[in-house]
Amino acid sequence: MLAGGHAWGQTTGSDAFLKEKRAEIDSLDKQLFEVLGARERVVKEIGLYKAKNNIPSLQAARFQQVLDKGIEAGKKEGLSAEFVTELLNAIHKESLRIEDALKTNP
């Protein structure tokens, strides 16, 4: 028995609620990864262009614009600037990895 008097595996109304909400999260996660995949496909196109034109992968001013816009958009969704910054840094790191890989193996 658990502290609330419910045995493991016992179905309650809250279990159904959690199941429904977790299904929503799973669907949103799928959409999130589809959008990230689409974004990285555009990054590949940009990376090929940069490779052909000897443009450095890192464009610090552009990333700062992305970060600023992301923080602003995140605020409207109730996301902290710290979270948005961390997320965009991870996305940017992957984008740079992709672009650099294309320069060595277009």
PDB file of N, CA and C in Angstrom:
ATOM      1  N   MET A   1       0.836  -1.184   0.000  1.00  0.00           N
ATOM      2  CA  MET A   1       0.000   0.000   0.000  1.00  0.00           C
ATOM      3  C   MET A   1       0.881   1.248   0.000  1.00  0.00           C
ATOM      4  N   LEU A   2       0.377   2.268  -0.668  1.00  0.00           N
ATOM      5  CA  LEU A   2       1.051   3.553  -0.680  1.00  0.00           C
ATOM      6  C   LEU A   2       0.492   4.421   0.436  1.00  0.00           C
ATOM      7  N   ALA A   3       1.128   5.558   0.663  1.00  0.00           N
ATOM      8  CA  ALA A   3       0.723   6.436   1.756  1.00  0.00           C
ATOM      9  C   ALA A   3      -0.740   6.863   1.647  1.00  0.00           C
ATOM     10  N   GLY A   4      -1.255   7.021   0.449  1.00  0.00           N
ATOM     11  CA  GLY A   4      -2.623   7.466   0.267  1.00  0.00           C
ATOM     12  C   GLY A   4      -3.636   6.332   0.370  1.00  0.00           C
ATOM     13  N   GLY A   5      -3.191   5.121   0.693  1.00  0.00           N
ATOM     14  CA  GLY A   5      -4.095   3.998   0.818  1.00  0.00           C
ATOM     15  C   GLY A   5      -4.339   3.264  -0.496  1.00  0.00           C
ATOM     16  N   HIS A   6      -3.608   3.624  -1.550  1.00  0.00           N
ATOM     17  CA  HIS A   6      -3.780   2.987  -2.852  1.00  0.00           C
ATOM     18  C   HIS A   6      -2.672   1.962  -3.063  1.00  0.00           C
ATOM     19  N   ALA A   7      -3.029   0.787  -3.514  1.00  0.00           N
ATOM     20  CA  ALA A   7      -2.042  -0.238  -3.833  1.00  0.00           C
ATOM     21  C   ALA A   7      -1.465   0.043  -5.217  1.00  0.00           C
ATOM     22  N   TRP A   8      -0.237  -0.408  -5.454  1.00  0.00           N
ATOM     23  CA  TRP A   8       0.372  -0.276  -6.770  1.00  0.00           C
ATOM     24  C   TRP A   8      -0.538  -0.949  -7.784  1.00  0.00           C
ATOM     25  N   GLY A   9      -0.723  -0.301  -8.933  1.00  0.00           N
ATOM     26  CA  GLY A   9      -1.517  -0.888  -9.998  1.00  0.00           C
ATOM     27  C   GLY A   9      -3.002  -0.614  -9.871  1.00  0.00           C
ATOM     28  N   GLN A  10      -3.440  -0.085  -8.759  1.00  0.00           N
ATOM     29  CA  GLN A  10      -4.859   0.212  -8.583  1.00  0.00           C
ATOM     30  C   GLN A  10      -5.218   1.445  -9.409  1.00  0.00           C
ATOM     31  N   THR A  11      -6.282   1.365 -10.184  1.00  0.00           N
ATOM     32  CA  THR A  11      -6.690   2.470 -11.044  1.00  0.00           C
ATOM     33  C   THR A  11      -7.586   3.424 -10.277  1.00  0.00           C
ATOM     34  N   THR A  12      -7.250   4.682 -10.375  1.00  0.00           N
ATOM     35  CA  THR A  12      -8.066   5.721  -9.760  1.00  0.00           C
ATOM     36  C   THR A  12      -8.346   6.779 -10.814  1.00  0.00           C
ATOM     37  N   GLY A  13      -9.195   7.721 -10.483  1.00  0.00           N
ATOM     38  CA  GLY A  13      -9.474   8.827 -11.390  1.00  0.00           C
ATOM     39  C   GLY A  13      -8.218   9.604 -11.733  1.00  0.00           C
ATOM     40  N   SER A  14      -7.337   9.773 -10.758  1.00  0.00           N
ATOM     41  CA  SER A  14      -6.106  10.513 -11.023  1.00  0.00           C
ATOM     42  C   SER A  14      -5.203   9.738 -11.970  1.00  0.00           C
ATOM     43  N   ASP A  15      -5.256   8.392 -11.922  1.00  0.00           N
ATOM     44  CA  ASP A  15      -4.465   7.587 -12.858  1.00  0.00           C
ATOM     45  C   ASP A  15      -4.931   7.840 -14.289  1.00  0.00           C
ATOM     46  N   ALA A  16      -6.231   7.909 -14.491  1.00  0.00           N
ATOM     47  CA  ALA A  16      -6.772   8.179 -15.821  1.00  0.00           C
ATOM     48  C   ALA A  16      -6.366   9.584 -16.274  1.00  0.00           C
ATOM     49  N   PHE A  17      -6.396  10.523 -15.359  1.00  0.00           N
ATOM     50  CA  PHE A  17      -5.980  11.888 -15.672  1.00  0.00           C
ATOM     51  C   PHE A  17      -4.519  11.920 -16.091  1.00  0.00           C
ATOM     52  N   LEU A  18      -3.669  11.255 -15.295  1.00  0.00           N
ATOM     53  CA  LEU A  18      -2.239  11.228 -15.619  1.00  0.00           C
ATOM     54  C   LEU A  18      -1.998  10.549 -16.961  1.00  0.00           C
ATOM     55  N   LYS A  19      -2.692   9.472 -17.216  1.00  0.00           N
ATOM     56  CA  LYS A  19      -2.541   8.764 -18.484  1.00  0.00           C
ATOM     57  C   LYS A  19      -2.885   9.687 -19.646  1.00  0.00           C
ATOM     58  N   GLU A  20      -3.981  10.422 -19.518  1.00  0.00           N
ATOM     59  CA  GLU A  20      -4.409  11.344 -20.573  1.00  0.00           C
ATOM     60  C   GLU A  20      -3.380  12.462 -20.766  1.00  0.00           C
ATOM     61  N   LYS A  21      -2.931  13.041 -19.670  1.00  0.00           N
ATOM     62  CA  LYS A  21      -1.978  14.149 -19.762  1.00  0.00           C
ATOM     63  C   LYS A  21      -0.626  13.672 -20.290  1.00  0.00           C
ATOM     64  N   ARG A  22      -0.224  12.472 -19.915  1.00  0.00           N
ATOM     65  CA  ARG A  22       1.040  11.928 -20.428  1.00  0.00           C
ATOM     66  C   ARG A  22       0.943  11.648 -21.919  1.00  0.00           C
ATOM     67  N   ALA A  23      -0.223  11.233 -22.387  1.00  0.00           N
ATOM     68  CA  ALA A  23      -0.436  11.038 -23.823  1.00  0.00           C
ATOM     69  C   ALA A  23      -0.327  12.379 -24.547  1.00  0.00           C
ATOM     70  N   GLU A  24      -0.850  13.445 -23.934  1.00  0.00           N
ATOM     71  CA  GLU A  24      -0.712  14.788 -24.510  1.00  0.00           C
ATOM     72  C   GLU A  24       0.763  15.182 -24.605  1.00  0.00           C
ATOM     73  N   ILE A  25       1.507  14.922 -23.536  1.00  0.00           N
ATOM     74  CA  ILE A  25       2.938  15.242 -23.531  1.00  0.00           C
ATOM     75  C   ILE A  25       3.652  14.450 -24.617  1.00  0.00           C
ATOM     76  N   ASP A  26       3.331  13.159 -24.746  1.00  0.00           N
ATOM     77  CA  ASP A  26       3.959  12.335 -25.782  1.00  0.00           C
ATOM     78  C   ASP A  26       3.692  12.899 -27.167  1.00  0.00           C
ATOM     79  N   SER A  27       2.462  13.343 -27.412  1.00  0.00           N
ATOM     80  CA  SER A  27       2.106  13.925 -28.702  1.00  0.00           C
ATOM     81  C   SER A  27       2.863  15.234 -28.941  1.00  0.00           C
ATOM     82  N   LEU A  28       2.946  16.062 -27.921  1.00  0.00           N
ATOM     83  CA  LEU A  28       3.677  17.323 -28.034  1.00  0.00           C
ATOM     84  C   LEU A  28       5.168  17.080 -28.239  1.00  0.00           C
ATOM     85  N   ASP A  29       5.720  16.084 -27.539  1.00  0.00           N
ATOM     86  CA  ASP A  29       7.132  15.743 -27.728  1.00  0.00           C
ATOM     87  C   ASP A  29       7.389  15.313 -29.170  1.00  0.00           C
ATOM     88  N   LYS A  30       6.480  14.527 -29.736  1.00  0.00           N
ATOM     89  CA  LYS A  30       6.618  14.091 -31.123  1.00  0.00           C
ATOM     90  C   LYS A  30       6.635  15.304 -32.051  1.00  0.00           C
ATOM     91  N   GLN A  31       5.729  16.242 -31.820  1.00  0.00           N
ATOM     92  CA  GLN A  31       5.686  17.462 -32.627  1.00  0.00           C
ATOM     93  C   GLN A  31       6.962  18.283 -32.462  1.00  0.00           C
ATOM     94  N   LEU A  32       7.443  18.352 -31.231  1.00  0.00           N
ATOM     95  CA  LEU A  32       8.660  19.103 -30.944  1.00  0.00           C
ATOM     96  C   LEU A  32       9.837  18.540 -31.738  1.00  0.00           C
ATOM     97  N   PHE A  33       9.965  17.212 -31.754  1.00  0.00           N
ATOM     98  CA  PHE A  33      11.074  16.607 -32.482  1.00  0.00           C
ATOM     99  C   PHE A  33      10.897  16.724 -33.988  1.00  0.00           C
ATOM    100  N   GLU A  34       9.667  16.724 -34.466  1.00  0.00           N
ATOM    101  CA  GLU A  34       9.430  16.956 -35.892  1.00  0.00           C
ATOM    102  C   GLU A  34       9.866  18.362 -36.286  1.00  0.00           C
ATOM    103  N   VAL A  35       9.552  19.337 -35.442  1.00  0.00           N
ATOM    104  CA  VAL A  35       9.955  20.720 -35.711  1.00  0.00           C
ATOM    105  C   VAL A  35      11.478  20.851 -35.636  1.00  0.00           C
ATOM    106  N   LEU A  36      12.089  20.227 -34.645  1.00  0.00           N
ATOM    107  CA  LEU A  36      13.551  20.280 -34.542  1.00  0.00           C
ATOM    108  C   LEU A  36      14.204  19.622 -35.752  1.00  0.00           C
ATOM    109  N   GLY A  37      13.638  18.513 -36.211  1.00  0.00           N
ATOM    110  CA  GLY A  37      14.163  17.860 -37.409  1.00  0.00           C
ATOM    111  C   GLY A  37      14.063  18.765 -38.623  1.00  0.00           C
ATOM    112  N   ALA A  38      12.929  19.436 -38.783  1.00  0.00           N
ATOM    113  CA  ALA A  38      12.747  20.369 -39.900  1.00  0.00           C
ATOM    114  C   ALA A  38      13.756  21.514 -39.799  1.00  0.00           C
ATOM    115  N   ARG A  39      13.963  21.992 -38.582  1.00  0.00           N
ATOM    116  CA  ARG A  39      14.928  23.077 -38.375  1.00  0.00           C
ATOM    117  C   ARG A  39      16.328  22.633 -38.791  1.00  0.00           C
ATOM    118  N   GLU A  40      16.718  21.444 -38.385  1.00  0.00           N
ATOM    119  CA  GLU A  40      18.065  20.967 -38.692  1.00  0.00           C
ATOM    120  C   GLU A  40      18.237  20.685 -40.192  1.00  0.00           C
ATOM    121  N   ARG A  41      17.157  20.343 -40.885  1.00  0.00           N
ATOM    122  CA  ARG A  41      17.249  20.188 -42.342  1.00  0.00           C
ATOM    123  C   ARG A  41      17.550  21.538 -43.003  1.00  0.00           C
ATOM    124  N   VAL A  42      16.970  22.607 -42.476  1.00  0.00           N
ATOM    125  CA  VAL A  42      17.290  23.948 -42.984  1.00  0.00           C
ATOM    126  C   VAL A  42      18.737  24.293 -42.638  1.00  0.00           C
ATOM    127  N   VAL A  43      19.175  23.917 -41.442  1.00  0.00           N
ATOM    128  CA  VAL A  43      20.568  24.141 -41.039  1.00  0.00           C
ATOM    129  C   VAL A  43      21.510  23.464 -42.035  1.00  0.00           C
ATOM    130  N   LYS A  44      21.160  22.264 -42.480  1.00  0.00           N
ATOM    131  CA  LYS A  44      22.006  21.566 -43.463  1.00  0.00           C
ATOM    132  C   LYS A  44      22.098  22.362 -44.761  1.00  0.00           C
ATOM    133  N   GLU A  45      20.985  22.924 -45.205  1.00  0.00           N
ATOM    134  CA  GLU A  45      21.003  23.741 -46.419  1.00  0.00           C
ATOM    135  C   GLU A  45      21.912  24.951 -46.235  1.00  0.00           C
ATOM    136  N   ILE A  46      21.797  25.589 -45.071  1.00  0.00           N
ATOM    137  CA  ILE A  46      22.649  26.747 -44.774  1.00  0.00           C
ATOM    138  C   ILE A  46      24.105  26.310 -44.687  1.00  0.00           C
ATOM    139  N   GLY A  47      24.343  25.176 -44.060  1.00  0.00           N
ATOM    140  CA  GLY A  47      25.701  24.657 -43.926  1.00  0.00           C
ATOM    141  C   GLY A  47      26.352  24.389 -45.268  1.00  0.00           C
ATOM    142  N   LEU A  48      25.600  23.842 -46.214  1.00  0.00           N
ATOM    143  CA  LEU A  48      26.135  23.604 -47.553  1.00  0.00           C
ATOM    144  C   LEU A  48      26.482  24.932 -48.236  1.00  0.00           C
ATOM    145  N   TYR A  49      25.604  25.907 -48.082  1.00  0.00           N
ATOM    146  CA  TYR A  49      25.858  27.232 -48.652  1.00  0.00           C
ATOM    147  C   TYR A  49      27.117  27.842 -48.039  1.00  0.00           C
ATOM    148  N   LYS A  50      27.223  27.757 -46.720  1.00  0.00           N
ATOM    149  CA  LYS A  50      28.404  28.313 -46.049  1.00  0.00           C
ATOM    150  C   LYS A  50      29.671  27.596 -46.496  1.00  0.00           C
ATOM    151  N   ALA A  51      29.602  26.271 -46.640  1.00  0.00           N
ATOM    152  CA  ALA A  51      30.769  25.499 -47.059  1.00  0.00           C
ATOM    153  C   ALA A  51      31.215  25.923 -48.460  1.00  0.00           C
ATOM    154  N   LYS A  52      30.268  26.092 -49.365  1.00  0.00           N
ATOM    155  CA  LYS A  52      30.593  26.479 -50.743  1.00  0.00           C
ATOM    156  C   LYS A  52      31.149  27.887 -50.824  1.00  0.00           C
ATOM    157  N   ASN A  53      30.777  28.734 -49.897  1.00  0.00           N
ATOM    158  CA  ASN A  53      31.158  30.142 -49.949  1.00  0.00           C
ATOM    159  C   ASN A  53      32.165  30.541 -48.872  1.00  0.00           C
ATOM    160  N   ASN A  54      32.776  29.537 -48.239  1.00  0.00           N
ATOM    161  CA  ASN A  54      33.797  29.795 -47.209  1.00  0.00           C
ATOM    162  C   ASN A  54      33.336  30.758 -46.134  1.00  0.00           C
ATOM    163  N   ILE A  55      32.129  30.536 -45.648  1.00  0.00           N
ATOM    164  CA  ILE A  55      31.568  31.346 -44.573  1.00  0.00           C
ATOM    165  C   ILE A  55      31.702  30.543 -43.281  1.00  0.00           C
ATOM    166  N   PRO A  56      32.217  31.159 -42.221  1.00  0.00           N
ATOM    167  CA  PRO A  56      32.368  30.416 -40.959  1.00  0.00           C
ATOM    168  C   PRO A  56      31.016  29.920 -40.422  1.00  0.00           C
ATOM    169  N   SER A  57      31.041  28.764 -39.800  1.00  0.00           N
ATOM    170  CA  SER A  57      29.820  28.204 -39.216  1.00  0.00           C
ATOM    171  C   SER A  57      29.260  29.123 -38.146  1.00  0.00           C
ATOM    172  N   LEU A  58      30.124  29.580 -37.259  1.00  0.00           N
ATOM    173  CA  LEU A  58      29.680  30.420 -36.155  1.00  0.00           C
ATOM    174  C   LEU A  58      29.455  31.846 -36.628  1.00  0.00           C
ATOM    175  N   GLN A  59      28.234  32.314 -36.472  1.00  0.00           N
ATOM    176  CA  GLN A  59      27.853  33.689 -36.765  1.00  0.00           C
ATOM    177  C   GLN A  59      27.288  34.258 -35.463  1.00  0.00           C
ATOM    178  N   ALA A  60      28.175  34.791 -34.628  1.00  0.00           N
ATOM    179  CA  ALA A  60      27.814  35.185 -33.266  1.00  0.00           C
ATOM    180  C   ALA A  60      26.670  36.204 -33.223  1.00  0.00           C
ATOM    181  N   ALA A  61      26.694  37.176 -34.111  1.00  0.00           N
ATOM    182  CA  ALA A  61      25.642  38.203 -34.097  1.00  0.00           C
ATOM    183  C   ALA A  61      24.290  37.583 -34.428  1.00  0.00           C
ATOM    184  N   ARG A  62      24.276  36.654 -35.384  1.00  0.00           N
ATOM    185  CA  ARG A  62      23.026  35.980 -35.751  1.00  0.00           C
ATOM    186  C   ARG A  62      22.516  35.150 -34.575  1.00  0.00           C
ATOM    187  N   PHE A  63      23.413  34.417 -33.907  1.00  0.00           N
ATOM    188  CA  PHE A  63      22.966  33.620 -32.775  1.00  0.00           C
ATOM    189  C   PHE A  63      22.400  34.505 -31.671  1.00  0.00           C
ATOM    190  N   GLN A  64      22.995  35.661 -31.462  1.00  0.00           N
ATOM    191  CA  GLN A  64      22.474  36.578 -30.441  1.00  0.00           C
ATOM    192  C   GLN A  64      21.062  37.029 -30.797  1.00  0.00           C
ATOM    193  N   GLN A  65      20.811  37.264 -32.091  1.00  0.00           N
ATOM    194  CA  GLN A  65      19.453  37.616 -32.531  1.00  0.00           C
ATOM    195  C   GLN A  65      18.487  36.474 -32.242  1.00  0.00           C
ATOM    196  N   VAL A  66      18.893  35.256 -32.563  1.00  0.00           N
ATOM    197  CA  VAL A  66      18.050  34.080 -32.313  1.00  0.00           C
ATOM    198  C   VAL A  66      17.757  33.961 -30.821  1.00  0.00           C
ATOM    199  N   LEU A  67      18.783  34.146 -30.022  1.00  0.00           N
ATOM    200  CA  LEU A  67      18.643  34.050 -28.569  1.00  0.00           C
ATOM    201  C   LEU A  67      17.701  35.124 -28.034  1.00  0.00           C
ATOM    202  N   ASP A  68      17.895  36.349 -28.470  1.00  0.00           N
ATOM    203  CA  ASP A  68      17.027  37.451 -28.012  1.00  0.00           C
ATOM    204  C   ASP A  68      15.569  37.204 -28.386  1.00  0.00           C
ATOM    205  N   LYS A  69      15.331  36.810 -29.634  1.00  0.00           N
ATOM    206  CA  LYS A  69      13.962  36.530 -30.077  1.00  0.00           C
ATOM    207  C   LYS A  69      13.383  35.337 -29.321  1.00  0.00           C
ATOM    208  N   GLY A  70      14.224  34.332 -29.078  1.00  0.00           N
ATOM    209  CA  GLY A  70      13.763  33.150 -28.348  1.00  0.00           C
ATOM    210  C   GLY A  70      13.378  33.465 -26.913  1.00  0.00           C
ATOM    211  N   ILE A  71      14.161  34.278 -26.252  1.00  0.00           N
ATOM    212  CA  ILE A  71      13.865  34.672 -24.871  1.00  0.00           C
ATOM    213  C   ILE A  71      12.549  35.435 -24.828  1.00  0.00           C
ATOM    214  N   GLU A  72      12.364  36.335 -25.781  1.00  0.00           N
ATOM    215  CA  GLU A  72      11.123  37.115 -25.835  1.00  0.00           C
ATOM    216  C   GLU A  72       9.922  36.209 -26.095  1.00  0.00           C
ATOM    217  N   ALA A  73      10.046  35.305 -27.051  1.00  0.00           N
ATOM    218  CA  ALA A  73       8.952  34.369 -27.355  1.00  0.00           C
ATOM    219  C   ALA A  73       8.692  33.443 -26.162  1.00  0.00           C
ATOM    220  N   GLY A  74       9.758  33.022 -25.502  1.00  0.00           N
ATOM    221  CA  GLY A  74       9.620  32.167 -24.337  1.00  0.00           C
ATOM    222  C   GLY A  74       8.880  32.846 -23.201  1.00  0.00           C
ATOM    223  N   LYS A  75       9.159  34.122 -22.997  1.00  0.00           N
ATOM    224  CA  LYS A  75       8.464  34.883 -21.947  1.00  0.00           C
ATOM    225  C   LYS A  75       6.957  34.842 -22.164  1.00  0.00           C
ATOM    226  N   LYS A  76       6.535  34.969 -23.424  1.00  0.00           N
ATOM    227  CA  LYS A  76       5.107  34.958 -23.745  1.00  0.00           C
ATOM    228  C   LYS A  76       4.472  33.598 -23.456  1.00  0.00           C
ATOM    229  N   GLU A  77       5.295  32.557 -23.407  1.00  0.00           N
ATOM    230  CA  GLU A  77       4.806  31.207 -23.112  1.00  0.00           C
ATOM    231  C   GLU A  77       5.052  30.800 -21.663  1.00  0.00           C
ATOM    232  N   GLY A  78       5.563  31.738 -20.868  1.00  0.00           N
ATOM    233  CA  GLY A  78       5.820  31.454 -19.460  1.00  0.00           C
ATOM    234  C   GLY A  78       7.114  30.698 -19.205  1.00  0.00           C
ATOM    235  N   LEU A  79       8.035  30.744 -20.159  1.00  0.00           N
ATOM    236  CA  LEU A  79       9.319  30.047 -20.015  1.00  0.00           C
ATOM    237  C   LEU A  79      10.384  31.020 -19.511  1.00  0.00           C
ATOM    238  N   SER A  80      11.233  30.535 -18.635  1.00  0.00           N
ATOM    239  CA  SER A  80      12.281  31.397 -18.096  1.00  0.00           C
ATOM    240  C   SER A  80      13.357  31.652 -19.146  1.00  0.00           C
ATOM    241  N   ALA A  81      13.991  32.804 -19.018  1.00  0.00           N
ATOM    242  CA  ALA A  81      15.097  33.153 -19.917  1.00  0.00           C
ATOM    243  C   ALA A  81      16.224  32.133 -19.789  1.00  0.00           C
ATOM    244  N   GLU A  82      16.433  31.623 -18.586  1.00  0.00           N
ATOM    245  CA  GLU A  82      17.489  30.640 -18.359  1.00  0.00           C
ATOM    246  C   GLU A  82      17.204  29.358 -19.135  1.00  0.00           C
ATOM    247  N   PHE A  83      15.957  28.895 -19.091  1.00  0.00           N
ATOM    248  CA  PHE A  83      15.592  27.678 -19.816  1.00  0.00           C
ATOM    249  C   PHE A  83      15.744  27.882 -21.316  1.00  0.00           C
ATOM    250  N   VAL A  84      15.221  28.985 -21.828  1.00  0.00           N
ATOM    251  CA  VAL A  84      15.284  29.256 -23.268  1.00  0.00           C
ATOM    252  C   VAL A  84      16.742  29.353 -23.712  1.00  0.00           C
ATOM    253  N   THR A  85      17.570  30.014 -22.923  1.00  0.00           N
ATOM    254  CA  THR A  85      18.988  30.150 -23.249  1.00  0.00           C
ATOM    255  C   THR A  85      19.663  28.785 -23.313  1.00  0.00           C
ATOM    256  N   GLU A  86      19.392  27.945 -22.322  1.00  0.00           N
ATOM    257  CA  GLU A  86      19.977  26.603 -22.286  1.00  0.00           C
ATOM    258  C   GLU A  86      19.518  25.776 -23.487  1.00  0.00           C
ATOM    259  N   LEU A  87      18.228  25.846 -23.786  1.00  0.00           N
ATOM    260  CA  LEU A  87      17.672  25.104 -24.909  1.00  0.00           C
ATOM    261  C   LEU A  87      18.285  25.572 -26.230  1.00  0.00           C
ATOM    262  N   LEU A  88      18.304  26.872 -26.446  1.00  0.00           N
ATOM    263  CA  LEU A  88      18.845  27.385 -27.703  1.00  0.00           C
ATOM    264  C   LEU A  88      20.345  27.153 -27.823  1.00  0.00           C
ATOM    265  N   ASN A  89      21.065  27.175 -26.714  1.00  0.00           N
ATOM    266  CA  ASN A  89      22.493  26.841 -26.762  1.00  0.00           C
ATOM    267  C   ASN A  89      22.689  25.391 -27.212  1.00  0.00           C
ATOM    268  N   ALA A  90      21.858  24.479 -26.718  1.00  0.00           N
ATOM    269  CA  ALA A  90      21.958  23.071 -27.125  1.00  0.00           C
ATOM    270  C   ALA A  90      21.621  22.916 -28.612  1.00  0.00           C
ATOM    271  N   ILE A  91      20.571  23.588 -29.054  1.00  0.00           N
ATOM    272  CA  ILE A  91      20.189  23.529 -30.470  1.00  0.00           C
ATOM    273  C   ILE A  91      21.298  24.123 -31.337  1.00  0.00           C
ATOM    274  N   HIS A  92      21.858  25.241 -30.903  1.00  0.00           N
ATOM    275  CA  HIS A  92      22.919  25.900 -31.654  1.00  0.00           C
ATOM    276  C   HIS A  92      24.167  25.019 -31.723  1.00  0.00           C
ATOM    277  N   LYS A  93      24.498  24.376 -30.644  1.00  0.00           N
ATOM    278  CA  LYS A  93      25.656  23.475 -30.615  1.00  0.00           C
ATOM    279  C   LYS A  93      25.480  22.364 -31.652  1.00  0.00           C
ATOM    280  N   GLU A  94      24.281  21.793 -31.721  1.00  0.00           N
ATOM    281  CA  GLU A  94      24.009  20.745 -32.708  1.00  0.00           C
ATOM    282  C   GLU A  94      24.059  21.310 -34.123  1.00  0.00           C
ATOM    283  N   SER A  95      23.542  22.513 -34.319  1.00  0.00           N
ATOM    284  CA  SER A  95      23.582  23.147 -35.637  1.00  0.00           C
ATOM    285  C   SER A  95      25.020  23.370 -36.095  1.00  0.00           C
ATOM    286  N   LEU A  96      25.869  23.834 -35.196  1.00  0.00           N
ATOM    287  CA  LEU A  96      27.280  24.028 -35.534  1.00  0.00           C
ATOM    288  C   LEU A  96      27.955  22.698 -35.851  1.00  0.00           C
ATOM    289  N   ARG A  97      27.607  21.661 -35.119  1.00  0.00           N
ATOM    290  CA  ARG A  97      28.165  20.333 -35.385  1.00  0.00           C
ATOM    291  C   ARG A  97      27.791  19.888 -36.799  1.00  0.00           C
ATOM    292  N   ILE A  98      26.535  20.082 -37.157  1.00  0.00           N
ATOM    293  CA  ILE A  98      26.057  19.706 -38.494  1.00  0.00           C
ATOM    294  C   ILE A  98      26.787  20.512 -39.568  1.00  0.00           C
ATOM    295  N   GLU A  99      26.861  21.831 -39.378  1.00  0.00           N
ATOM    296  CA  GLU A  99      27.531  22.676 -40.368  1.00  0.00           C
ATOM    297  C   GLU A  99      29.001  22.310 -40.512  1.00  0.00           C
ATOM    298  N   ASP A 100      29.680  22.085 -39.401  1.00  0.00           N
ATOM    299  CA  ASP A 100      31.100  21.723 -39.464  1.00  0.00           C
ATOM    300  C   ASP A 100      31.299  20.376 -40.142  1.00  0.00           C
ATOM    301  N   ALA A 101      30.409  19.435 -39.895  1.00  0.00           N
ATOM    302  CA  ALA A 101      30.494  18.120 -40.538  1.00  0.00           C
ATOM    303  C   ALA A 101      30.327  18.250 -42.049  1.00  0.00           C
ATOM    304  N   LEU A 102      29.456  19.163 -42.479  1.00  0.00           N
ATOM    305  CA  LEU A 102      29.240  19.358 -43.910  1.00  0.00           C
ATOM    306  C   LEU A 102      30.475  19.967 -44.586  1.00  0.00           C
ATOM    307  N   LYS A 103      31.227  20.739 -43.846  1.00  0.00           N
ATOM    308  CA  LYS A 103      32.447  21.347 -44.414  1.00  0.00           C
ATOM    309  C   LYS A 103      33.516  20.293 -44.654  1.00  0.00           C
ATOM    310  N   THR A 104      33.541  19.269 -43.812  1.00  0.00           N
ATOM    311  CA  THR A 104      34.535  18.215 -43.983  1.00  0.00           C
ATOM    312  C   THR A 104      34.046  17.107 -44.905  1.00  0.00           C
ATOM    313  N   ASN A 105      32.718  16.980 -45.024  1.00  0.00           N
ATOM    314  CA  ASN A 105      32.140  15.923 -45.862  1.00  0.00           C
ATOM    315  C   ASN A 105      30.825  16.404 -46.483  1.00  0.00           C
ATOM    316  N   PRO A 106      30.913  17.313 -47.475  1.00  0.00           N
ATOM    317  CA  PRO A 106      29.688  17.856 -48.069  1.00  0.00           C
ATOM    318  C   PRO A 106      28.975  16.849 -48.857  1.00  0.00           C
TER     319      PRO A 106
END
